[in-house]
Amino acid sequence: AAGRVTWSRRGLFRTHSGEIPLAALEGLAVESRYADTSGRAKMHRLALVVAGGERLPLTNAYYGSYEHFRTLGERIQGAVRPARELVFHTRRASGE
């Protein structure tokens, strides 16, 4: 639908999906977490940031390439412009 973002994410046992107004999409976030206890290796995933700061991860798992997710986020930014200017947020995932 025009002016709406439809998303879905499949896990092993569940599927999460939804639809939000484009106006509620505030930004994108590359979420990062450590892959091991050394604190050196990081894993990443991309999430949509909606009104109120809620994050909707686009994947269940974290992967190794920050630049891959940054590039993917830039493509999403380009797709929604000029309707919305999306801000990039970066932080470690919650619970870390």
N, C-alpha and C. Protein backbone atom coordinates (compact mmCIF):
# COMPACT_ATOMS: atom_id res chain seq x y z
N ALA A 1 0.85 -1.19 0.00
CA ALA A 1 0.00 0.00 0.00
C ALA A 1 0.88 1.24 0.00
N ALA A 2 0.43 2.26 -0.68
CA ALA A 2 1.20 3.49 -0.76
C ALA A 2 1.29 4.15 0.61
N GLY A 3 2.46 4.63 0.94
CA GLY A 3 2.63 5.32 2.21
C GLY A 3 2.70 4.40 3.42
N ARG A 4 2.94 3.11 3.18
CA ARG A 4 3.02 2.14 4.26
C ARG A 4 4.25 1.25 4.05
N VAL A 5 4.78 0.77 5.16
CA VAL A 5 5.91 -0.16 5.13
C VAL A 5 5.40 -1.51 5.62
N THR A 6 5.56 -2.53 4.80
CA THR A 6 5.20 -3.89 5.18
C THR A 6 6.48 -4.65 5.45
N TRP A 7 6.56 -5.34 6.59
CA TRP A 7 7.78 -6.06 6.95
C TRP A 7 7.42 -7.45 7.44
N SER A 8 8.37 -8.35 7.31
CA SER A 8 8.20 -9.70 7.86
C SER A 8 9.57 -10.27 8.19
N ARG A 9 9.58 -11.13 9.20
CA ARG A 9 10.82 -11.77 9.64
C ARG A 9 10.45 -13.18 10.07
N ARG A 10 11.10 -14.17 9.48
CA ARG A 10 10.81 -15.56 9.81
C ARG A 10 11.86 -16.16 10.71
N GLY A 11 11.41 -16.86 11.71
CA GLY A 11 12.29 -17.61 12.58
C GLY A 11 12.05 -19.09 12.35
N LEU A 12 12.66 -19.90 13.15
CA LEU A 12 12.52 -21.34 13.02
C LEU A 12 11.09 -21.79 13.31
N PHE A 13 10.47 -21.19 14.32
CA PHE A 13 9.14 -21.61 14.73
C PHE A 13 8.06 -20.55 14.55
N ARG A 14 8.45 -19.29 14.35
CA ARG A 14 7.47 -18.21 14.26
C ARG A 14 7.80 -17.25 13.13
N THR A 15 6.77 -16.57 12.68
CA THR A 15 6.93 -15.49 11.72
C THR A 15 6.38 -14.23 12.35
N HIS A 16 7.14 -13.16 12.26
CA HIS A 16 6.70 -11.85 12.75
C HIS A 16 6.47 -10.99 11.51
N SER A 17 5.39 -10.25 11.50
CA SER A 17 5.13 -9.37 10.37
C SER A 17 4.24 -8.23 10.82
N GLY A 18 4.19 -7.22 10.00
CA GLY A 18 3.34 -6.09 10.30
C GLY A 18 3.38 -5.06 9.20
N GLU A 19 2.60 -4.03 9.41
CA GLU A 19 2.54 -2.93 8.47
C GLU A 19 2.47 -1.65 9.29
N ILE A 20 3.29 -0.69 8.94
CA ILE A 20 3.29 0.59 9.66
C ILE A 20 3.21 1.72 8.65
N PRO A 21 2.64 2.85 9.04
CA PRO A 21 2.62 4.00 8.14
C PRO A 21 4.05 4.50 7.90
N LEU A 22 4.31 4.91 6.69
CA LEU A 22 5.63 5.45 6.36
C LEU A 22 5.97 6.62 7.29
N ALA A 23 4.97 7.40 7.68
CA ALA A 23 5.21 8.54 8.56
C ALA A 23 5.71 8.11 9.94
N ALA A 24 5.43 6.87 10.35
CA ALA A 24 5.88 6.37 11.66
C ALA A 24 7.32 5.88 11.63
N LEU A 25 7.89 5.73 10.45
CA LEU A 25 9.27 5.26 10.31
C LEU A 25 10.21 6.43 10.54
N GLU A 26 10.97 6.36 11.65
CA GLU A 26 11.86 7.46 12.03
C GLU A 26 13.29 7.25 11.61
N GLY A 27 13.70 6.01 11.46
CA GLY A 27 15.10 5.79 11.11
C GLY A 27 15.42 4.33 10.96
N LEU A 28 16.71 4.09 10.86
CA LEU A 28 17.27 2.75 10.73
C LEU A 28 18.36 2.60 11.77
N ALA A 29 18.57 1.39 12.23
CA ALA A 29 19.62 1.15 13.22
C ALA A 29 20.42 -0.08 12.84
N VAL A 30 21.72 0.06 12.86
CA VAL A 30 22.59 -1.10 12.78
C VAL A 30 22.87 -1.49 14.23
N GLU A 31 22.28 -2.59 14.67
CA GLU A 31 22.48 -3.07 16.03
C GLU A 31 23.68 -3.99 16.06
N SER A 32 24.49 -3.88 17.08
CA SER A 32 25.71 -4.67 17.18
C SER A 32 25.78 -5.38 18.51
N ARG A 33 26.37 -6.55 18.49
CA ARG A 33 26.62 -7.29 19.73
C ARG A 33 27.93 -8.04 19.55
N TYR A 34 28.54 -8.37 20.67
CA TYR A 34 29.79 -9.12 20.61
C TYR A 34 29.51 -10.58 20.31
N ALA A 35 30.31 -11.15 19.42
CA ALA A 35 30.12 -12.54 19.02
C ALA A 35 30.79 -13.50 19.99
N ASP A 36 31.71 -12.98 20.80
CA ASP A 36 32.41 -13.84 21.77
C ASP A 36 32.77 -13.02 23.00
N THR A 37 33.37 -13.63 23.95
CA THR A 37 33.69 -12.95 25.21
C THR A 37 34.94 -12.07 25.13
N SER A 38 35.67 -12.14 24.03
CA SER A 38 36.89 -11.33 23.91
C SER A 38 36.58 -9.84 23.76
N GLY A 39 35.35 -9.52 23.31
CA GLY A 39 34.99 -8.13 23.11
C GLY A 39 35.51 -7.54 21.82
N ARG A 40 36.08 -8.36 20.96
CA ARG A 40 36.64 -7.85 19.71
C ARG A 40 35.74 -8.14 18.52
N ALA A 41 35.23 -9.33 18.40
CA ALA A 41 34.43 -9.71 17.23
C ALA A 41 32.99 -9.24 17.42
N LYS A 42 32.51 -8.46 16.49
CA LYS A 42 31.14 -7.96 16.56
C LYS A 42 30.29 -8.56 15.46
N MET A 43 29.01 -8.72 15.77
CA MET A 43 28.02 -9.18 14.81
C MET A 43 26.98 -8.06 14.71
N HIS A 44 26.27 -7.99 13.58
CA HIS A 44 25.37 -6.87 13.33
C HIS A 44 24.07 -7.33 12.69
N ARG A 45 23.04 -6.49 12.80
CA ARG A 45 21.78 -6.67 12.08
C ARG A 45 21.15 -5.30 11.89
N LEU A 46 20.23 -5.20 10.94
CA LEU A 46 19.57 -3.94 10.64
C LEU A 46 18.15 -3.96 11.23
N ALA A 47 17.72 -2.83 11.78
CA ALA A 47 16.38 -2.71 12.34
C ALA A 47 15.75 -1.40 11.87
N LEU A 48 14.44 -1.42 11.70
CA LEU A 48 13.68 -0.20 11.46
C LEU A 48 13.42 0.45 12.82
N VAL A 49 13.51 1.76 12.90
CA VAL A 49 13.18 2.49 14.12
C VAL A 49 11.88 3.24 13.85
N VAL A 50 10.87 2.97 14.66
CA VAL A 50 9.56 3.59 14.47
C VAL A 50 9.28 4.58 15.60
N ALA A 51 8.20 5.32 15.47
CA ALA A 51 7.82 6.33 16.45
C ALA A 51 7.88 5.76 17.85
N GLY A 52 8.43 6.52 18.77
CA GLY A 52 8.58 6.07 20.15
C GLY A 52 9.86 5.31 20.39
N GLY A 53 10.67 5.10 19.35
CA GLY A 53 11.96 4.43 19.51
C GLY A 53 11.93 2.92 19.40
N GLU A 54 10.74 2.32 19.20
CA GLU A 54 10.68 0.87 19.05
C GLU A 54 11.49 0.44 17.84
N ARG A 55 12.17 -0.68 17.98
CA ARG A 55 12.98 -1.23 16.88
C ARG A 55 12.38 -2.52 16.38
N LEU A 56 12.31 -2.64 15.06
CA LEU A 56 11.81 -3.85 14.42
C LEU A 56 12.97 -4.46 13.64
N PRO A 57 13.66 -5.45 14.22
CA PRO A 57 14.79 -6.07 13.51
C PRO A 57 14.34 -6.71 12.21
N LEU A 58 15.15 -6.58 11.18
CA LEU A 58 14.84 -7.19 9.89
C LEU A 58 15.33 -8.62 9.80
N THR A 59 16.17 -9.04 10.74
CA THR A 59 16.62 -10.43 10.81
C THR A 59 16.61 -10.88 12.27
N ASN A 60 16.49 -12.18 12.47
CA ASN A 60 16.59 -12.73 13.82
C ASN A 60 18.04 -12.83 14.27
N ALA A 61 18.89 -13.18 13.35
CA ALA A 61 20.30 -13.44 13.66
C ALA A 61 21.16 -12.20 13.40
N TYR A 62 22.32 -12.21 14.00
CA TYR A 62 23.34 -11.20 13.76
C TYR A 62 24.39 -11.80 12.84
N TYR A 63 24.96 -10.95 11.97
CA TYR A 63 25.98 -11.39 11.03
C TYR A 63 27.20 -10.49 11.14
N GLY A 64 28.28 -10.86 10.46
CA GLY A 64 29.56 -10.22 10.67
C GLY A 64 29.84 -8.89 10.02
N SER A 65 29.14 -8.50 8.98
CA SER A 65 29.55 -7.32 8.23
C SER A 65 28.73 -6.07 8.54
N TYR A 66 29.31 -5.13 9.29
CA TYR A 66 28.66 -3.86 9.56
C TYR A 66 28.38 -3.13 8.25
N GLU A 67 29.36 -3.10 7.36
CA GLU A 67 29.22 -2.37 6.10
C GLU A 67 28.07 -2.91 5.25
N HIS A 68 27.84 -4.22 5.29
CA HIS A 68 26.72 -4.81 4.54
C HIS A 68 25.40 -4.20 5.02
N PHE A 69 25.21 -4.13 6.32
CA PHE A 69 23.95 -3.61 6.85
C PHE A 69 23.85 -2.10 6.68
N ARG A 70 24.98 -1.42 6.76
CA ARG A 70 24.97 0.02 6.52
C ARG A 70 24.55 0.30 5.07
N THR A 71 25.08 -0.45 4.13
CA THR A 71 24.73 -0.30 2.72
C THR A 71 23.26 -0.63 2.48
N LEU A 72 22.78 -1.70 3.09
CA LEU A 72 21.37 -2.06 2.96
C LEU A 72 20.49 -0.94 3.51
N GLY A 73 20.87 -0.38 4.65
CA GLY A 73 20.13 0.73 5.22
C GLY A 73 20.11 1.95 4.30
N GLU A 74 21.22 2.22 3.65
CA GLU A 74 21.28 3.35 2.71
C GLU A 74 20.37 3.11 1.52
N ARG A 75 20.23 1.86 1.09
CA ARG A 75 19.30 1.55 0.00
C ARG A 75 17.86 1.77 0.44
N ILE A 76 17.55 1.41 1.66
CA ILE A 76 16.20 1.65 2.18
C ILE A 76 15.95 3.14 2.27
N GLN A 77 16.95 3.90 2.74
CA GLN A 77 16.82 5.36 2.80
C GLN A 77 16.48 5.91 1.42
N GLY A 78 17.21 5.45 0.41
CA GLY A 78 16.98 5.92 -0.95
C GLY A 78 15.59 5.59 -1.47
N ALA A 79 15.05 4.46 -1.05
CA ALA A 79 13.73 4.05 -1.51
C ALA A 79 12.62 4.90 -0.91
N VAL A 80 12.79 5.41 0.29
CA VAL A 80 11.74 6.20 0.94
C VAL A 80 11.90 7.70 0.73
N ARG A 81 13.05 8.13 0.24
CA ARG A 81 13.23 9.54 -0.05
C ARG A 81 12.47 9.88 -1.31
N PRO A 82 11.90 11.02 -1.50
CA PRO A 82 11.96 12.19 -0.64
C PRO A 82 10.84 12.24 0.40
N ALA A 83 10.04 11.17 0.49
CA ALA A 83 8.91 11.18 1.43
C ALA A 83 9.38 11.32 2.87
N ARG A 84 10.48 10.67 3.23
CA ARG A 84 11.01 10.70 4.60
C ARG A 84 12.52 10.73 4.56
N GLU A 85 13.11 11.44 5.48
CA GLU A 85 14.56 11.40 5.69
C GLU A 85 14.79 10.55 6.92
N LEU A 86 15.46 9.43 6.76
CA LEU A 86 15.67 8.50 7.86
C LEU A 86 17.02 8.73 8.52
N VAL A 87 17.02 8.70 9.83
CA VAL A 87 18.24 8.88 10.62
C VAL A 87 18.83 7.51 10.92
N PHE A 88 20.15 7.39 10.84
CA PHE A 88 20.83 6.14 11.23
C PHE A 88 21.17 6.20 12.71
N HIS A 89 20.82 5.14 13.43
CA HIS A 89 21.14 4.99 14.84
C HIS A 89 22.08 3.79 14.95
N THR A 90 23.03 3.87 15.85
CA THR A 90 23.92 2.74 16.08
C THR A 90 24.06 2.53 17.58
N ARG A 91 23.89 1.32 18.02
CA ARG A 91 24.08 0.97 19.43
C ARG A 91 24.19 -0.53 19.54
N ARG A 92 24.69 -0.97 20.69
CA ARG A 92 24.71 -2.39 20.96
C ARG A 92 23.29 -2.86 21.22
N ALA A 93 23.04 -4.11 20.94
CA ALA A 93 21.72 -4.67 21.18
C ALA A 93 21.43 -4.69 22.67
N SER A 94 20.16 -4.64 23.02
CA SER A 94 19.77 -4.63 24.43
C SER A 94 20.14 -5.95 25.07
N GLY A 95 20.30 -5.92 26.38
CA GLY A 95 20.64 -7.12 27.12
C GLY A 95 22.12 -7.43 27.14
N GLU A 96 22.95 -6.50 26.70
CA GLU A 96 24.39 -6.74 26.67
C GLU A 96 25.08 -5.92 27.73
